[in-house]
Protein backbone atom coordinates (compact mmCIF):
# COMPACT_ATOMS: atom_id res chain seq x y z
CA UNK A 1 -8.23 24.98 2.60
CA UNK A 2 -9.61 28.02 0.77
CA UNK A 3 -7.07 30.84 0.85
CA UNK A 4 -5.02 28.87 3.41
CA UNK A 5 -7.11 30.35 6.27
CA UNK A 6 -6.53 27.41 8.59
CA UNK A 7 -2.77 27.45 8.06
CA UNK A 8 -2.62 31.20 8.61
CA UNK A 9 -4.46 30.73 11.91
CA UNK A 10 -2.10 27.97 13.02
CA UNK A 11 0.96 30.07 12.11
CA UNK A 12 -0.46 33.01 14.06
CA UNK A 13 -0.88 30.84 17.15
CA UNK A 14 -4.69 31.10 16.99
CA UNK A 15 -5.28 27.34 16.68
CA UNK A 16 -4.13 24.20 18.45
CA UNK A 17 -4.32 20.53 17.59
CA UNK A 18 -5.36 18.23 20.44
CA UNK A 19 -5.20 14.47 20.04
CA UNK A 20 -6.92 12.09 22.41
CA UNK A 21 -10.22 10.51 23.37
CA UNK A 22 -13.25 12.68 24.11
CA UNK A 23 -14.95 11.79 27.37
CA UNK A 24 -17.90 14.19 27.03
CA UNK A 25 -19.11 17.39 25.49
CA UNK A 26 -19.39 20.48 27.69
CA UNK A 27 -21.25 23.77 27.13
CA UNK A 28 -17.97 25.39 26.06
CA UNK A 29 -16.12 22.56 24.31
CA UNK A 30 -15.07 19.03 25.16
CA UNK A 31 -13.60 17.24 28.14
CA UNK A 32 -10.94 14.73 27.23
CA UNK A 33 -10.60 11.34 28.90
CA UNK A 34 -7.53 12.57 30.81
CA UNK A 35 -9.64 15.40 32.34
CA UNK A 36 -8.28 18.18 30.12
CA UNK A 37 -10.88 20.68 28.96
CA UNK A 38 -10.59 21.89 25.37
CA UNK A 39 -12.56 25.07 24.65
CA UNK A 40 -14.18 25.10 21.22
CA UNK A 41 -16.46 27.41 19.27
CA UNK A 42 -17.28 24.64 16.84
CA UNK A 43 -16.87 20.83 16.89
CA UNK A 44 -16.67 18.81 13.68
CA UNK A 45 -17.20 15.06 14.02
CA UNK A 46 -15.46 12.70 11.60
CA UNK A 47 -15.67 8.94 11.83
CA UNK A 48 -12.77 8.13 9.50
CA UNK A 49 -13.07 5.19 7.17
CA UNK A 50 -11.94 1.62 6.72
CA UNK A 51 -9.71 0.58 3.84
CA UNK A 52 -11.34 -1.17 0.92
CA UNK A 53 -8.27 -3.20 -0.02
CA UNK A 54 -8.20 -4.48 -3.61
CA UNK A 55 -11.75 -3.22 -4.06
CA UNK A 56 -13.04 -5.91 -1.68
CA UNK A 57 -12.67 -8.43 -4.51
CA UNK A 58 -12.87 -12.01 -3.24
CA UNK A 59 -9.77 -13.36 -4.97
CA UNK A 60 -9.28 -17.11 -5.28
CA UNK A 61 -6.62 -19.28 -6.89
CA UNK A 62 -7.70 -22.67 -8.22
CA UNK A 63 -10.88 -22.37 -6.18
CA UNK A 64 -9.11 -21.58 -2.89
CA UNK A 65 -9.80 -18.19 -1.28
CA UNK A 66 -6.80 -15.86 -1.24
CA UNK A 67 -5.99 -13.71 1.79
CA UNK A 68 -3.72 -10.92 0.55
CA UNK A 69 -2.54 -10.45 4.13
CA UNK A 70 -0.76 -13.81 3.81
CA UNK A 71 1.28 -12.76 0.78
CA UNK A 72 4.59 -10.88 0.59
CA UNK A 73 4.90 -7.91 -1.70
CA UNK A 74 7.51 -7.50 -4.42
CA UNK A 75 8.17 -3.75 -4.78
CA UNK A 76 4.59 -2.98 -3.75
CA UNK A 77 3.17 -4.18 -7.05
CA UNK A 78 3.28 -7.99 -7.21
CA UNK A 79 2.65 -10.60 -4.52
CA UNK A 80 4.04 -14.03 -3.74
CA UNK A 81 1.84 -16.88 -4.87
CA UNK A 82 -0.47 -14.62 -6.90
CA UNK A 83 -0.03 -15.14 -10.65
CA UNK A 84 -0.57 -12.49 -13.32
CA UNK A 85 -1.44 -9.62 -11.00
CA UNK A 86 0.25 -6.23 -10.90
CA UNK A 87 -1.24 -3.73 -8.44
CA UNK A 88 -0.97 -0.02 -9.14
CA UNK A 89 -0.32 1.71 -5.81
CA UNK A 90 1.24 5.16 -5.81
CA UNK A 91 3.15 7.27 -3.33
CA UNK A 92 1.81 8.80 -0.12
CA UNK A 93 4.44 11.55 -0.06
CA UNK A 94 4.75 12.37 -3.74
CA UNK A 95 2.42 12.43 -6.73
CA UNK A 96 0.42 9.20 -6.93
CA UNK A 97 0.76 9.26 -10.73
CA UNK A 98 4.57 9.26 -10.63
CA UNK A 99 4.47 5.67 -9.44
CA UNK A 100 1.39 4.75 -11.45
CA UNK A 101 3.24 5.67 -14.64
CA UNK A 102 6.30 3.63 -13.63
CA UNK A 103 4.19 0.58 -12.81
CA UNK A 104 2.29 0.88 -16.10
CA UNK A 105 5.55 0.96 -18.05
CA UNK A 106 6.89 -1.97 -16.04
CA UNK A 107 3.71 -3.98 -16.72
CA UNK A 108 3.94 -3.37 -20.48
CA UNK A 109 7.59 -4.47 -20.43
CA UNK A 110 6.68 -7.59 -18.41
CA UNK A 111 3.85 -8.54 -20.81
CA UNK A 112 6.14 -8.10 -23.81
CA UNK A 113 8.78 -10.23 -22.09
CA UNK A 114 6.20 -12.95 -21.45
CA UNK A 115 5.20 -12.91 -25.13
CA UNK A 116 8.83 -13.25 -26.16
CA UNK A 117 9.26 -16.21 -23.80
CA UNK A 118 6.02 -17.83 -24.97
CA UNK A 119 4.56 -17.96 -21.46
CA UNK A 120 1.28 -16.75 -20.05
CA UNK A 121 1.81 -17.00 -16.29
CA UNK A 122 4.18 -15.09 -14.03
CA UNK A 123 4.46 -14.78 -10.28
CA UNK A 124 7.09 -13.65 -7.82
CA UNK A 125 8.72 -16.01 -5.34
CA UNK A 126 10.78 -15.38 -2.23
CA UNK A 127 14.35 -16.69 -2.35
CA UNK A 128 14.90 -19.74 -0.10
CA UNK A 129 16.79 -17.71 2.52
CA UNK A 130 13.76 -15.41 3.04
CA UNK A 131 10.99 -18.01 3.14
CA UNK A 132 11.08 -18.18 6.96
CA UNK A 133 12.21 -14.58 7.53
CA UNK A 134 10.18 -12.23 9.75
CA UNK A 135 7.35 -10.36 8.04
CA UNK A 136 6.84 -6.64 8.32
CA UNK A 137 3.89 -4.32 7.76
CA UNK A 138 2.98 -3.02 4.30
CA UNK A 139 3.92 0.50 5.38
CA UNK A 140 6.28 1.16 8.27
CA UNK A 141 4.31 3.16 10.89
CA UNK A 142 7.36 5.42 11.24
CA UNK A 143 6.91 6.39 7.59
CA UNK A 144 3.12 6.79 7.32
CA UNK A 145 0.62 6.06 10.07
CA UNK A 146 -2.88 7.48 9.67
CA UNK A 147 -5.60 5.61 11.57
CA UNK A 148 -7.27 4.19 8.48
CA UNK A 149 -4.02 2.56 7.37
CA UNK A 150 -3.12 1.30 10.85
CA UNK A 151 -6.56 -0.32 11.14
CA UNK A 152 -6.19 -2.03 7.76
CA UNK A 153 -2.58 -3.29 7.87
CA UNK A 154 -3.74 -6.88 8.52
CA UNK A 155 -5.52 -6.84 5.15
CA UNK A 156 -2.44 -5.78 3.20
CA UNK A 157 0.47 -7.87 1.91
CA UNK A 158 3.48 -8.15 4.19
CA UNK A 159 7.12 -7.27 3.63
CA UNK A 160 10.33 -9.29 3.91
CA UNK A 161 13.94 -8.17 4.37
CA UNK A 162 15.45 -6.43 1.36
CA UNK A 163 14.37 -3.39 -0.64
CA UNK A 164 12.66 -5.40 -3.39
CA UNK A 165 10.33 -7.05 -0.84
CA UNK A 166 8.65 -3.87 0.37
CA UNK A 167 6.63 -0.91 -0.86
CA UNK A 168 8.82 2.16 -0.67
CA UNK A 169 7.98 5.85 -0.69
CA UNK A 170 11.29 6.68 -2.38
CA UNK A 171 10.55 7.93 -5.90
CA UNK A 172 14.15 8.99 -6.48
CA UNK A 173 15.35 5.43 -5.97
CA UNK A 174 12.53 3.70 -7.82
CA UNK A 175 12.72 5.88 -10.91
CA UNK A 176 16.16 4.35 -11.54
CA UNK A 177 15.52 0.83 -10.22
CA UNK A 178 12.17 -0.17 -11.70
CA UNK A 179 13.07 0.45 -15.37
CA UNK A 180 16.21 -1.70 -14.88
CA UNK A 181 14.53 -4.67 -13.17
CA UNK A 182 15.90 -7.94 -14.59
CA UNK A 183 12.75 -9.75 -15.71
CA UNK A 184 14.69 -13.02 -15.75
CA UNK A 185 15.93 -12.49 -12.20
CA UNK A 186 15.37 -15.02 -9.43
CA UNK A 187 12.25 -13.25 -8.13
CA UNK A 188 10.25 -14.23 -11.22
CA UNK A 189 8.75 -17.62 -12.02
CA UNK A 190 7.20 -18.12 -15.46
CA UNK A 191 4.99 -20.89 -16.81
CA UNK A 192 2.92 -21.78 -19.81
CA UNK A 193 -0.62 -22.77 -18.90
CA UNK A 194 -2.71 -22.25 -22.02
CA UNK A 195 -4.90 -25.20 -22.87
CA UNK A 196 -4.47 -26.54 -26.40
CA UNK A 197 -7.02 -25.35 -28.95
CA UNK A 198 -9.64 -27.94 -29.84
CA UNK A 199 -12.23 -27.98 -32.60
């Protein structure tokens, strides 16, 4: 907001926020579905938007379509059953790039680890005790709940119990945890799948 005009008006008690469904426009404002009349000098219409998850890419594995909504996230960057994919997704409540940098560094470390092991495939797997556990939403509505995200939750990976099986908004925790992730821990499954060279 230029010069913070809107915020100054709110602080001065000159503006109100009304949430609800508009029933009709009136000569002096809008009438809400509950019958409340909201006077307005100006009305701005906004339709919102729908999430374009993963760029609307039609992922498939071995020819079978992949629904990301059926996967479980590992720390908001890798997904069960999806090999060789790391998704860069930042923070809603802190700088997006703080997390982007951490994920980039993690990815470089993972690729180097794969080279050292002589493998070219990695995916994350749920431990046996979580395979049948309840699934949660990508982002807890108590933490972040704009309409566009609420409408698109079914398209996003799910969560499972435990901090490593969810996407957190806690930079102060992740800045210590992500650099120390054990790349040979039980969450990771590696394989070699290169075809032999032929002439």
